[in-house]
Amino acid sequence: MGTQKNLANQFSMKKCRDCSTDNTLAADVCVSCKKKLGDVDVQGYAIRPFDYKAYAVGIASVIVFVVYMWWAFFREA
């Protein structure tokens, strides 16, 4: 992660990817749109943090849908 420190030294602010508002490098949340911010990338924008909850909910909903389709149409009565 040495490159992240070099990028932080190169930029004094980071831009939000959603609303393009300038935020301090230490900010975890955008001051304008209240979205989560990550570290700064090569272009000066904040990297979107990985959202584990969203992926877990998405995977769970696909599993529930597949089980329902099996139960509704493919099981033997």
Protein backbone atom coordinates (compact mmCIF):
# COMPACT_ATOMS: atom_id res chain seq x y z
CA MET A 1 0.00 0.00 0.00
CA GLY A 2 2.94 2.32 -0.46
CA THR A 3 1.33 3.71 -3.60
CA GLN A 4 -1.70 4.92 -1.63
CA LYS A 5 0.58 7.04 0.55
CA ASN A 6 2.20 8.51 -2.56
CA LEU A 7 -1.21 9.38 -3.99
CA ALA A 8 -2.28 10.96 -0.70
CA ASN A 9 0.83 13.13 -0.83
CA GLN A 10 0.07 14.12 -4.42
CA PHE A 11 -3.49 15.33 -3.74
CA SER A 12 -4.74 17.68 -1.03
CA MET A 13 -8.44 16.89 -1.60
CA LYS A 14 -10.45 13.98 -2.98
CA LYS A 15 -13.59 14.25 -5.11
CA CYS A 16 -16.76 12.30 -4.47
CA ARG A 17 -17.61 9.98 -7.38
CA ASP A 18 -21.34 10.66 -7.03
CA CYS A 19 -21.55 14.44 -6.72
CA SER A 20 -17.97 15.65 -7.53
CA THR A 21 -17.73 17.61 -4.28
CA ASP A 22 -14.23 18.21 -2.93
CA ASN A 23 -13.62 16.53 0.44
CA THR A 24 -10.59 16.39 2.70
CA LEU A 25 -8.36 13.33 2.43
CA ALA A 26 -9.38 12.23 5.94
CA ALA A 27 -13.13 12.35 5.19
CA ASP A 28 -14.98 9.03 5.32
CA VAL A 29 -18.34 10.50 4.28
CA CYS A 30 -19.06 13.09 1.59
CA VAL A 31 -20.12 16.44 3.03
CA SER A 32 -22.66 16.98 0.26
CA CYS A 33 -24.36 13.66 -0.54
CA LYS A 34 -23.41 11.68 2.63
CA LYS A 35 -22.07 8.67 0.65
CA LYS A 36 -19.15 6.63 1.99
CA LEU A 37 -15.73 7.54 0.63
CA GLY A 38 -12.60 5.45 0.35
CA ASP A 39 -8.99 6.33 -0.38
CA VAL A 40 -8.00 8.61 -3.23
CA ASP A 41 -7.23 7.07 -6.65
CA VAL A 42 -4.83 8.16 -9.40
CA GLN A 43 -7.24 10.78 -10.77
CA GLY A 44 -8.06 12.36 -7.40
CA TYR A 45 -11.45 10.72 -6.94
CA ALA A 46 -12.46 8.74 -3.88
CA ILE A 47 -12.58 4.98 -4.36
CA ARG A 48 -15.95 3.43 -3.57
CA PRO A 49 -15.62 1.08 -0.59
CA PHE A 50 -16.76 -2.53 -1.09
CA ASP A 51 -20.33 -2.95 0.21
CA TYR A 52 -20.54 -6.43 1.75
CA LYS A 53 -24.16 -6.04 2.88
CA ALA A 54 -25.42 -5.28 -0.62
CA TYR A 55 -23.69 -8.32 -2.10
CA ALA A 56 -24.95 -10.57 0.71
CA VAL A 57 -28.53 -9.37 0.22
CA GLY A 58 -28.24 -9.85 -3.55
CA ILE A 59 -26.90 -13.40 -3.22
CA ALA A 60 -29.56 -14.29 -0.63
CA SER A 61 -32.35 -12.98 -2.87
CA VAL A 62 -31.10 -15.04 -5.82
CA ILE A 63 -31.01 -18.16 -3.63
CA VAL A 64 -34.55 -17.50 -2.37
CA PHE A 65 -35.76 -16.97 -5.95
CA VAL A 66 -34.18 -20.24 -7.15
CA VAL A 67 -35.67 -22.18 -4.24
CA TYR A 68 -39.10 -20.65 -4.90
CA MET A 69 -38.92 -21.50 -8.62
CA TRP A 70 -38.01 -25.09 -7.74
CA TRP A 71 -40.80 -25.30 -5.17
CA ALA A 72 -43.44 -23.70 -7.42
CA PHE A 73 -42.71 -25.41 -10.74
CA PHE A 74 -40.27 -28.31 -10.55
CA ARG A 75 -41.09 -30.35 -7.46
CA GLU A 76 -43.33 -33.36 -7.76
CA ALA A 77 -46.65 -32.97 -6.01
